[in-house]
C-alpha cells in the first residue's frame, strides 16, 4: 500500500475508544453518527 506508506492517503479517524467502551463505539456506528473509522484500543 504505497499511498498509505508514503502518507499520500490518510485514513479519517472519527474516534478512538478503549476496549471497555466498545458498546459505545458500536452504538455510534449503528446510528451513522460517525464519519471515518472508529478505532478500539487494547
PDB file of N, CA and C in Angstrom:
ATOM      1  N   UNK A   1       0.824  -1.173   0.000  1.00  0.00           N
ATOM      2  CA  UNK A   1       0.000   0.000   0.000  1.00  0.00           C
ATOM      3  C   UNK A   1       0.877   1.248   0.000  1.00  0.00           C
ATOM      4  N   UNK A   2       1.470   1.529  -1.116  1.00  0.00           N
ATOM      5  CA  UNK A   2       2.402   2.653  -1.192  1.00  0.00           C
ATOM      6  C   UNK A   2       1.786   4.001  -0.826  1.00  0.00           C
ATOM      7  N   UNK A   3       0.539   4.246  -1.208  1.00  0.00           N
ATOM      8  CA  UNK A   3      -0.061   5.554  -0.916  1.00  0.00           C
ATOM      9  C   UNK A   3      -0.252   5.760   0.586  1.00  0.00           C
ATOM     10  N   UNK A   4      -0.553   4.695   1.305  1.00  0.00           N
ATOM     11  CA  UNK A   4      -0.637   4.800   2.766  1.00  0.00           C
ATOM     12  C   UNK A   4       0.749   4.938   3.369  1.00  0.00           C
ATOM     13  N   UNK A   5       1.686   4.158   2.866  1.00  0.00           N
ATOM     14  CA  UNK A   5       3.046   4.174   3.405  1.00  0.00           C
ATOM     15  C   UNK A   5       3.716   5.531   3.266  1.00  0.00           C
ATOM     16  N   UNK A   6       3.495   6.207   2.137  1.00  0.00           N
ATOM     17  CA  UNK A   6       4.179   7.487   1.948  1.00  0.00           C
ATOM     18  C   UNK A   6       3.353   8.679   2.432  1.00  0.00           C
ATOM     19  N   UNK A   7       2.163   8.424   2.982  1.00  0.00           N
ATOM     20  CA  UNK A   7       1.367   9.495   3.570  1.00  0.00           C
ATOM     21  C   UNK A   7       0.465  10.243   2.608  1.00  0.00           C
ATOM     22  N   UNK A   8       0.394   9.801   1.354  1.00  0.00           N
ATOM     23  CA  UNK A   8      -0.480  10.455   0.382  1.00  0.00           C
ATOM     24  C   UNK A   8      -1.945  10.289   0.771  1.00  0.00           C
ATOM     25  N   UNK A   9      -2.297   9.087   1.204  1.00  0.00           N
ATOM     26  CA  UNK A   9      -3.662   8.797   1.639  1.00  0.00           C
ATOM     27  C   UNK A   9      -3.616   8.536   3.143  1.00  0.00           C
ATOM     28  N   UNK A  10      -4.483   9.232   3.876  1.00  0.00           N
ATOM     29  CA  UNK A  10      -4.533   9.048   5.325  1.00  0.00           C
ATOM     30  C   UNK A  10      -5.959   8.669   5.714  1.00  0.00           C
ATOM     31  N   UNK A  11      -6.105   7.631   6.547  1.00  0.00           N
ATOM     32  CA  UNK A  11      -7.457   7.263   6.973  1.00  0.00           C
ATOM     33  C   UNK A  11      -8.040   8.345   7.875  1.00  0.00           C
ATOM     34  N   UNK A  12      -9.320   8.585   7.739  1.00  0.00           N
ATOM     35  CA  UNK A  12     -10.016   9.551   8.578  1.00  0.00           C
ATOM     36  C   UNK A  12     -10.502   8.819   9.826  1.00  0.00           C
ATOM     37  N   UNK A  13     -10.019   9.249  10.986  1.00  0.00           N
ATOM     38  CA  UNK A  13     -10.391   8.627  12.250  1.00  0.00           C
ATOM     39  C   UNK A  13     -11.478   9.467  12.908  1.00  0.00           C
ATOM     40  N   UNK A  14     -12.634   8.872  13.124  1.00  0.00           N
ATOM     41  CA  UNK A  14     -13.735   9.570  13.789  1.00  0.00           C
ATOM     42  C   UNK A  14     -13.507   9.622  15.288  1.00  0.00           C
ATOM     43  N   UNK A  15     -13.071   8.510  15.850  1.00  0.00           N
ATOM     44  CA  UNK A  15     -12.869   8.475  17.292  1.00  0.00           C
ATOM     45  C   UNK A  15     -12.094   7.252  17.712  1.00  0.00           C
ATOM     46  N   UNK A  16     -11.493   7.355  18.888  1.00  0.00           N
ATOM     47  CA  UNK A  16     -10.755   6.247  19.470  1.00  0.00           C
ATOM     48  C   UNK A  16     -11.380   5.927  20.820  1.00  0.00           C
ATOM     49  N   UNK A  17     -11.677   4.663  21.032  1.00  0.00           N
ATOM     50  CA  UNK A  17     -12.336   4.220  22.257  1.00  0.00           C
ATOM     51  C   UNK A  17     -11.518   3.103  22.884  1.00  0.00           C
ATOM     52  N   UNK A  18     -11.414   3.090  24.215  1.00  0.00           N
ATOM     53  CA  UNK A  18     -10.802   1.923  24.857  1.00  0.00           C
ATOM     54  C   UNK A  18     -11.722   0.715  24.677  1.00  0.00           C
ATOM     55  N   UNK A  19     -11.157  -0.459  24.732  1.00  0.00           N
ATOM     56  CA  UNK A  19     -11.928  -1.682  24.507  1.00  0.00           C
ATOM     57  C   UNK A  19     -13.127  -1.776  25.444  1.00  0.00           C
ATOM     58  N   UNK A  20     -12.991  -1.272  26.665  1.00  0.00           N
ATOM     59  CA  UNK A  20     -14.105  -1.338  27.623  1.00  0.00           C
ATOM     60  C   UNK A  20     -15.311  -0.522  27.161  1.00  0.00           C
ATOM     61  N   UNK A  21     -15.109   0.430  26.233  1.00  0.00           N
ATOM     62  CA  UNK A  21     -16.195   1.251  25.697  1.00  0.00           C
ATOM     63  C   UNK A  21     -16.625   0.806  24.303  1.00  0.00           C
ATOM     64  N   UNK A  22     -16.391  -0.459  23.991  1.00  0.00           N
ATOM     65  CA  UNK A  22     -16.740  -0.973  22.663  1.00  0.00           C
ATOM     66  C   UNK A  22     -18.230  -0.824  22.378  1.00  0.00           C
ATOM     67  N   UNK A  23     -19.063  -0.970  23.396  1.00  0.00           N
ATOM     68  CA  UNK A  23     -20.510  -0.820  23.190  1.00  0.00           C
ATOM     69  C   UNK A  23     -20.852   0.605  22.757  1.00  0.00           C
ATOM     70  N   UNK A  24     -20.189   1.600  23.342  1.00  0.00           N
ATOM     71  CA  UNK A  24     -20.417   2.997  22.944  1.00  0.00           C
ATOM     72  C   UNK A  24     -19.981   3.216  21.499  1.00  0.00           C
ATOM     73  N   UNK A  25     -18.827   2.657  21.151  1.00  0.00           N
ATOM     74  CA  UNK A  25     -18.323   2.799  19.785  1.00  0.00           C
ATOM     75  C   UNK A  25     -19.283   2.141  18.796  1.00  0.00           C
ATOM     76  N   UNK A  26     -19.788   0.984  19.148  1.00  0.00           N
ATOM     77  CA  UNK A  26     -20.712   0.269  18.269  1.00  0.00           C
ATOM     78  C   UNK A  26     -22.020   1.038  18.130  1.00  0.00           C
ATOM     79  N   UNK A  27     -22.499   1.610  19.220  1.00  0.00           N
ATOM     80  CA  UNK A  27     -23.732   2.402  19.167  1.00  0.00           C
ATOM     81  C   UNK A  27     -23.555   3.606  18.250  1.00  0.00           C
ATOM     82  N   UNK A  28     -22.396   4.248  18.313  1.00  0.00           N
ATOM     83  CA  UNK A  28     -22.125   5.387  17.428  1.00  0.00           C
ATOM     84  C   UNK A  28     -22.158   4.939  15.973  1.00  0.00           C
ATOM     85  N   UNK A  29     -21.569   3.789  15.702  1.00  0.00           N
ATOM     86  CA  UNK A  29     -21.548   3.274  14.337  1.00  0.00           C
ATOM     87  C   UNK A  29     -22.964   2.917  13.864  1.00  0.00           C
ATOM     88  N   UNK A  30     -23.749   2.300  14.725  1.00  0.00           N
ATOM     89  CA  UNK A  30     -25.105   1.883  14.345  1.00  0.00           C
ATOM     90  C   UNK A  30     -26.017   3.058  14.013  1.00  0.00           C
ATOM     91  N   UNK A  31     -25.806   4.199  14.657  1.00  0.00           N
ATOM     92  CA  UNK A  31     -26.656   5.366  14.413  1.00  0.00           C
ATOM     93  C   UNK A  31     -26.133   6.233  13.272  1.00  0.00           C
ATOM     94  N   UNK A  32     -25.078   5.781  12.625  1.00  0.00           N
ATOM     95  CA  UNK A  32     -24.472   6.503  11.490  1.00  0.00           C
ATOM     96  C   UNK A  32     -24.025   7.914  11.853  1.00  0.00           C
ATOM     97  N   UNK A  33     -23.604   8.114  13.099  1.00  0.00           N
ATOM     98  CA  UNK A  33     -23.094   9.415  13.522  1.00  0.00           C
ATOM     99  C   UNK A  33     -21.627   9.602  13.154  1.00  0.00           C
ATOM    100  N   UNK A  34     -20.950   8.515  12.837  1.00  0.00           N
ATOM    101  CA  UNK A  34     -19.508   8.605  12.595  1.00  0.00           C
ATOM    102  C   UNK A  34     -19.202   9.001  11.151  1.00  0.00           C
ATOM    103  N   UNK A  35     -18.087   9.671  11.003  1.00  0.00           N
ATOM    104  CA  UNK A  35     -17.524   9.960   9.683  1.00  0.00           C
ATOM    105  C   UNK A  35     -16.081   9.482   9.762  1.00  0.00           C
ATOM    106  N   UNK A  36     -15.774   8.423   9.073  1.00  0.00           N
ATOM    107  CA  UNK A  36     -14.439   7.849   9.142  1.00  0.00           C
ATOM    108  C   UNK A  36     -14.450   6.571   9.966  1.00  0.00           C
ATOM    109  N   UNK A  37     -13.287   6.186  10.383  1.00  0.00           N
ATOM    110  CA  UNK A  37     -13.109   4.924  11.099  1.00  0.00           C
ATOM    111  C   UNK A  37     -13.251   5.125  12.601  1.00  0.00           C
ATOM    112  N   UNK A  38     -13.718   4.087  13.263  1.00  0.00           N
ATOM    113  CA  UNK A  38     -13.787   4.050  14.716  1.00  0.00           C
ATOM    114  C   UNK A  38     -12.721   3.056  15.170  1.00  0.00           C
ATOM    115  N   UNK A  39     -11.859   3.495  16.065  1.00  0.00           N
ATOM    116  CA  UNK A  39     -10.720   2.694  16.499  1.00  0.00           C
ATOM    117  C   UNK A  39     -10.932   2.250  17.941  1.00  0.00           C
ATOM    118  N   UNK A  40     -10.722   0.964  18.195  1.00  0.00           N
ATOM    119  CA  UNK A  40     -10.728   0.435  19.556  1.00  0.00           C
ATOM    120  C   UNK A  40      -9.289   0.179  19.971  1.00  0.00           C
ATOM    121  N   UNK A  41      -8.921   0.677  21.148  1.00  0.00           N
ATOM    122  CA  UNK A  41      -7.567   0.440  21.644  1.00  0.00           C
ATOM    123  C   UNK A  41      -7.599  -0.671  22.682  1.00  0.00           C
ATOM    124  N   UNK A  42      -6.565  -1.498  22.649  1.00  0.00           N
ATOM    125  CA  UNK A  42      -6.476  -2.632  23.571  1.00  0.00           C
ATOM    126  C   UNK A  42      -5.400  -2.358  24.589  1.00  0.00           C
TER     127      UNK A  42
END
